[in-house]
C-alpha atoms as a PDB file:
ATOM      1  CA  MET A   1     -25.747  20.429  36.047  1.00  0.00           C
ATOM      2  CA  THR A   2     -28.446  21.480  38.205  1.00  0.00           C
ATOM      3  CA  GLY A   3     -28.506  18.543  41.079  1.00  0.00           C
ATOM      4  CA  GLY A   4     -27.502  18.981  44.483  1.00  0.00           C
ATOM      5  CA  ASN A   5     -24.321  16.720  44.039  1.00  0.00           C
ATOM      6  CA  THR A   6     -22.093  18.114  41.118  1.00  0.00           C
ATOM      7  CA  VAL A   7     -18.593  17.288  40.064  1.00  0.00           C
ATOM      8  CA  ALA A   8     -18.108  20.751  38.584  1.00  0.00           C
ATOM      9  CA  LEU A   9     -15.708  22.528  40.855  1.00  0.00           C
ATOM     10  CA  PRO A  10     -15.833  26.316  41.025  1.00  0.00           C
ATOM     11  CA  GLY A  11     -12.870  27.773  39.088  1.00  0.00           C
ATOM     12  CA  ASP A  12     -12.161  24.173  37.409  1.00  0.00           C
ATOM     13  CA  SER A  13     -12.643  24.535  33.602  1.00  0.00           C
ATOM     14  CA  SER A  14     -11.417  21.169  33.029  1.00  0.00           C
ATOM     15  CA  PRO A  15     -14.003  18.809  31.096  1.00  0.00           C
ATOM     16  CA  ILE A  16     -16.725  17.374  33.510  1.00  0.00           C
ATOM     17  CA  TYR A  17     -15.487  13.824  32.624  1.00  0.00           C
ATOM     18  CA  VAL A  18     -11.900  14.578  33.792  1.00  0.00           C
ATOM     19  CA  GLN A  19     -13.505  16.070  36.990  1.00  0.00           C
ATOM     20  CA  LEU A  20     -15.543  12.911  37.552  1.00  0.00           C
ATOM     21  CA  ALA A  21     -12.491  10.754  36.831  1.00  0.00           C
ATOM     22  CA  GLY A  22     -10.631  12.954  39.443  1.00  0.00           C
ATOM     23  CA  HIS A  23     -13.472  12.310  41.848  1.00  0.00           C
ATOM     24  CA  VAL A  24     -13.124   8.510  41.349  1.00  0.00           C
ATOM     25  CA  THR A  25      -9.462   8.742  41.719  1.00  0.00           C
ATOM     26  CA  GLU A  26      -9.751  10.349  45.054  1.00  0.00           C
ATOM     27  CA  GLN A  27     -12.025   7.941  46.240  1.00  0.00           C
ATOM     28  CA  ILE A  28      -9.727   5.252  45.476  1.00  0.00           C
ATOM     29  CA  LEU A  29      -6.807   7.056  47.025  1.00  0.00           C
ATOM     30  CA  SER A  30      -8.750   7.622  50.385  1.00  0.00           C
ATOM     31  CA  GLY A  31     -10.273   4.130  50.410  1.00  0.00           C
ATOM     32  CA  GLY A  32     -13.683   4.903  49.462  1.00  0.00           C
ATOM     33  CA  TYR A  33     -13.461   2.413  46.592  1.00  0.00           C
ATOM     34  CA  ALA A  34     -11.276  -0.555  47.576  1.00  0.00           C
ATOM     35  CA  GLU A  35      -9.229  -2.471  44.994  1.00  0.00           C
ATOM     36  CA  GLY A  36     -11.595  -5.096  43.591  1.00  0.00           C
ATOM     37  CA  SER A  37     -14.758  -3.323  44.596  1.00  0.00           C
ATOM     38  CA  LEU A  38     -17.393  -2.588  42.004  1.00  0.00           C
ATOM     39  CA  LEU A  39     -18.234   1.005  41.192  1.00  0.00           C
ATOM     40  CA  PRO A  40     -21.661   2.569  40.698  1.00  0.00           C
ATOM     41  CA  SER A  41     -22.973   2.208  37.097  1.00  0.00           C
ATOM     42  CA  THR A  42     -22.536   4.964  34.618  1.00  0.00           C
ATOM     43  CA  ASN A  43     -26.308   5.678  35.103  1.00  0.00           C
ATOM     44  CA  ASP A  44     -25.806   5.800  38.813  1.00  0.00           C
ATOM     45  CA  PHE A  45     -22.789   8.253  38.401  1.00  0.00           C
ATOM     46  CA  ALA A  46     -24.965  10.185  35.984  1.00  0.00           C
ATOM     47  CA  GLY A  47     -27.894  10.452  38.423  1.00  0.00           C
ATOM     48  CA  MET A  48     -25.552  11.236  41.341  1.00  0.00           C
ATOM     49  CA  PHE A  49     -23.882  14.070  39.686  1.00  0.00           C
ATOM     50  CA  ASP A  50     -26.688  15.303  37.404  1.00  0.00           C
ATOM     51  CA  ILE A  51     -24.550  14.596  34.215  1.00  0.00           C
ATOM     52  CA  ASN A  52     -25.127  12.723  30.937  1.00  0.00           C
ATOM     53  CA  PRO A  53     -24.606   9.062  31.169  1.00  0.00           C
ATOM     54  CA  ALA A  54     -22.194   9.367  28.235  1.00  0.00           C
ATOM     55  CA  THR A  55     -19.893  11.625  30.253  1.00  0.00           C
ATOM     56  CA  ALA A  56     -19.805   9.428  33.066  1.00  0.00           C
ATOM     57  CA  ALA A  57     -18.975   6.394  30.785  1.00  0.00           C
ATOM     58  CA  ARG A  58     -16.257   8.648  29.280  1.00  0.00           C
ATOM     59  CA  ALA A  59     -14.873   9.076  32.663  1.00  0.00           C
ATOM     60  CA  LEU A  60     -14.711   5.634  33.773  1.00  0.00           C
ATOM     61  CA  ASN A  61     -13.285   4.490  30.327  1.00  0.00           C
ATOM     62  CA  LEU A  62     -10.318   6.953  31.031  1.00  0.00           C
ATOM     63  CA  LEU A  63      -9.767   5.307  34.106  1.00  0.00           C
ATOM     64  CA  VAL A  64      -9.863   1.917  32.287  1.00  0.00           C
ATOM     65  CA  THR A  65      -7.322   3.036  29.773  1.00  0.00           C
ATOM     66  CA  VAL A  66      -4.665   3.977  32.543  1.00  0.00           C
ATOM     67  CA  GLY A  67      -5.406   0.674  34.452  1.00  0.00           C
ATOM     68  CA  VAL A  68      -7.025   1.986  37.457  1.00  0.00           C
ATOM     69  CA  LEU A  69     -10.376   0.349  36.573  1.00  0.00           C
ATOM     70  CA  GLU A  70     -11.338  -2.948  34.779  1.00  0.00           C
ATOM     71  CA  LYS A  71     -14.418  -3.758  33.021  1.00  0.00           C
ATOM     72  CA  ARG A  72     -16.018  -6.982  34.278  1.00  0.00           C
ATOM     73  CA  ARG A  73     -18.282  -8.357  31.470  1.00  0.00           C
ATOM     74  CA  GLY A  74     -21.972  -8.316  32.594  1.00  0.00           C
ATOM     75  CA  ILE A  75     -21.026  -6.791  36.152  1.00  0.00           C
ATOM     76  CA  GLY A  76     -19.650  -3.431  35.658  1.00  0.00           C
ATOM     77  CA  MET A  77     -16.471  -1.515  36.577  1.00  0.00           C
ATOM     78  CA  ALA A  78     -14.116  -2.623  39.382  1.00  0.00           C
ATOM     79  CA  VAL A  79     -11.216  -1.005  41.050  1.00  0.00           C
ATOM     80  CA  SER A  80      -8.211  -2.888  39.596  1.00  0.00           C
ATOM     81  CA  PRO A  81      -5.594  -4.530  41.715  1.00  0.00           C
ATOM     82  CA  GLY A  82      -2.825  -2.291  42.468  1.00  0.00           C
ATOM     83  CA  ALA A  83      -4.643   0.979  41.525  1.00  0.00           C
ATOM     84  CA  ARG A  84      -4.029   2.697  44.689  1.00  0.00           C
ATOM     85  CA  ARG A  85      -0.279   2.187  44.235  1.00  0.00           C
ATOM     86  CA  VAL A  86      -0.495   3.309  40.718  1.00  0.00           C
ATOM     87  CA  LEU A  87      -2.409   6.333  41.711  1.00  0.00           C
ATOM     88  CA  ALA A  88      -0.107   7.262  44.457  1.00  0.00           C
ATOM     89  CA  GLU A  89       2.938   6.955  42.477  1.00  0.00           C
ATOM     90  CA  GLN A  90       1.400   9.179  39.714  1.00  0.00           C
ATOM     91  CA  ARG A  91       0.534  11.729  42.445  1.00  0.00           C
ATOM     92  CA  ARG A  92       4.225  11.563  43.833  1.00  0.00           C
ATOM     93  CA  ARG A  93       5.524  12.359  40.463  1.00  0.00           C
ATOM     94  CA  THR A  94       3.177  15.079  39.778  1.00  0.00           C
ATOM     95  CA  PHE A  95       4.098  16.379  43.503  1.00  0.00           C
ATOM     96  CA  HIS A  96       7.613  16.602  42.693  1.00  0.00           C
ATOM     97  CA  ARG A  97       7.316  18.211  39.286  1.00  0.00           C
ATOM     98  CA  ARG A  98       4.851  20.939  40.545  1.00  0.00           C
ATOM     99  CA  HIS A  99       6.223  21.576  44.094  1.00  0.00           C
ATOM    100  CA  ILE A 100       9.721  20.010  44.634  1.00  0.00           C
ATOM    101  CA  GLN A 101      11.546  21.002  41.472  1.00  0.00           C
ATOM    102  CA  PRO A 102      10.413  24.570  41.442  1.00  0.00           C
ATOM    103  CA  LEU A 103      11.265  24.798  45.282  1.00  0.00           C
ATOM    104  CA  VAL A 104      14.897  23.542  44.690  1.00  0.00           C
ATOM    105  CA  SER A 105      15.114  25.880  41.646  1.00  0.00           C
ATOM    106  CA  GLU A 106      13.941  28.871  43.862  1.00  0.00           C
ATOM    107  CA  ALA A 107      16.315  27.786  46.515  1.00  0.00           C
ATOM    108  CA  ILE A 108      19.339  27.722  44.140  1.00  0.00           C
ATOM    109  CA  ALA A 109      18.363  31.203  42.579  1.00  0.00           C
ATOM    110  CA  LEU A 110      18.267  32.572  46.145  1.00  0.00           C
ATOM    111  CA  ASP A 111      21.695  30.957  47.235  1.00  0.00           C
ATOM    112  CA  ILE A 112      19.819  28.979  49.992  1.00  0.00           C
ATOM    113  CA  PRO A 113      21.711  25.731  50.869  1.00  0.00           C
ATOM    114  CA  LEU A 114      19.827  22.617  50.060  1.00  0.00           C
ATOM    115  CA  ASP A 115      20.322  21.556  53.840  1.00  0.00           C
ATOM    116  CA  GLU A 116      18.773  24.739  54.873  1.00  0.00           C
ATOM    117  CA  VAL A 117      15.696  24.022  52.572  1.00  0.00           C
ATOM    118  CA  HIS A 118      15.467  20.658  54.290  1.00  0.00           C
ATOM    119  CA  MET A 119      15.376  22.103  57.663  1.00  0.00           C
ATOM    120  CA  MET A 120      12.859  24.614  56.535  1.00  0.00           C
ATOM    121  CA  LEU A 121      10.487  21.578  55.377  1.00  0.00           C
ATOM    122  CA  ASP A 122      11.072  19.820  58.533  1.00  0.00           C
ATOM    123  CA  HIS A 123      10.173  22.857  60.678  1.00  0.00           C
ATOM    124  CA  GLY A 124       7.106  23.340  58.190  1.00  0.00           C
ATOM    125  CA  ALA A 125       5.936  19.775  58.896  1.00  0.00           C
ATOM    126  CA  ALA A 126       6.226  20.230  62.420  1.00  0.00           C
ATOM    127  CA  ASP A 127       3.970  23.448  62.533  1.00  0.00           C
END
């Protein structure tokens, strides 16, 4: 990828199609792509990010498989109804698994009462 825009993130070794799917996901979560709105075509994504159109298609099809995008025959890809809710719920589960469970496990290992952990979180949120 040699263009100005690129989906390849420094230090991100995941495949480019996964990175592009992540980019589209972030756009949906942030409201950049509203539910029901049409996405750029695979050729448009390929041009924007200097990638092969087949790679862009693979990214979009990945999101179709999980129900975030839907194919509209003769029109293109659109954000599925409820996509933002689905993505936010997936993100919450990932957040719980990656951050909350290890935090609770560490607190238990250090004999920190969970109500103290809760106070720490409240204090941290206020900073």
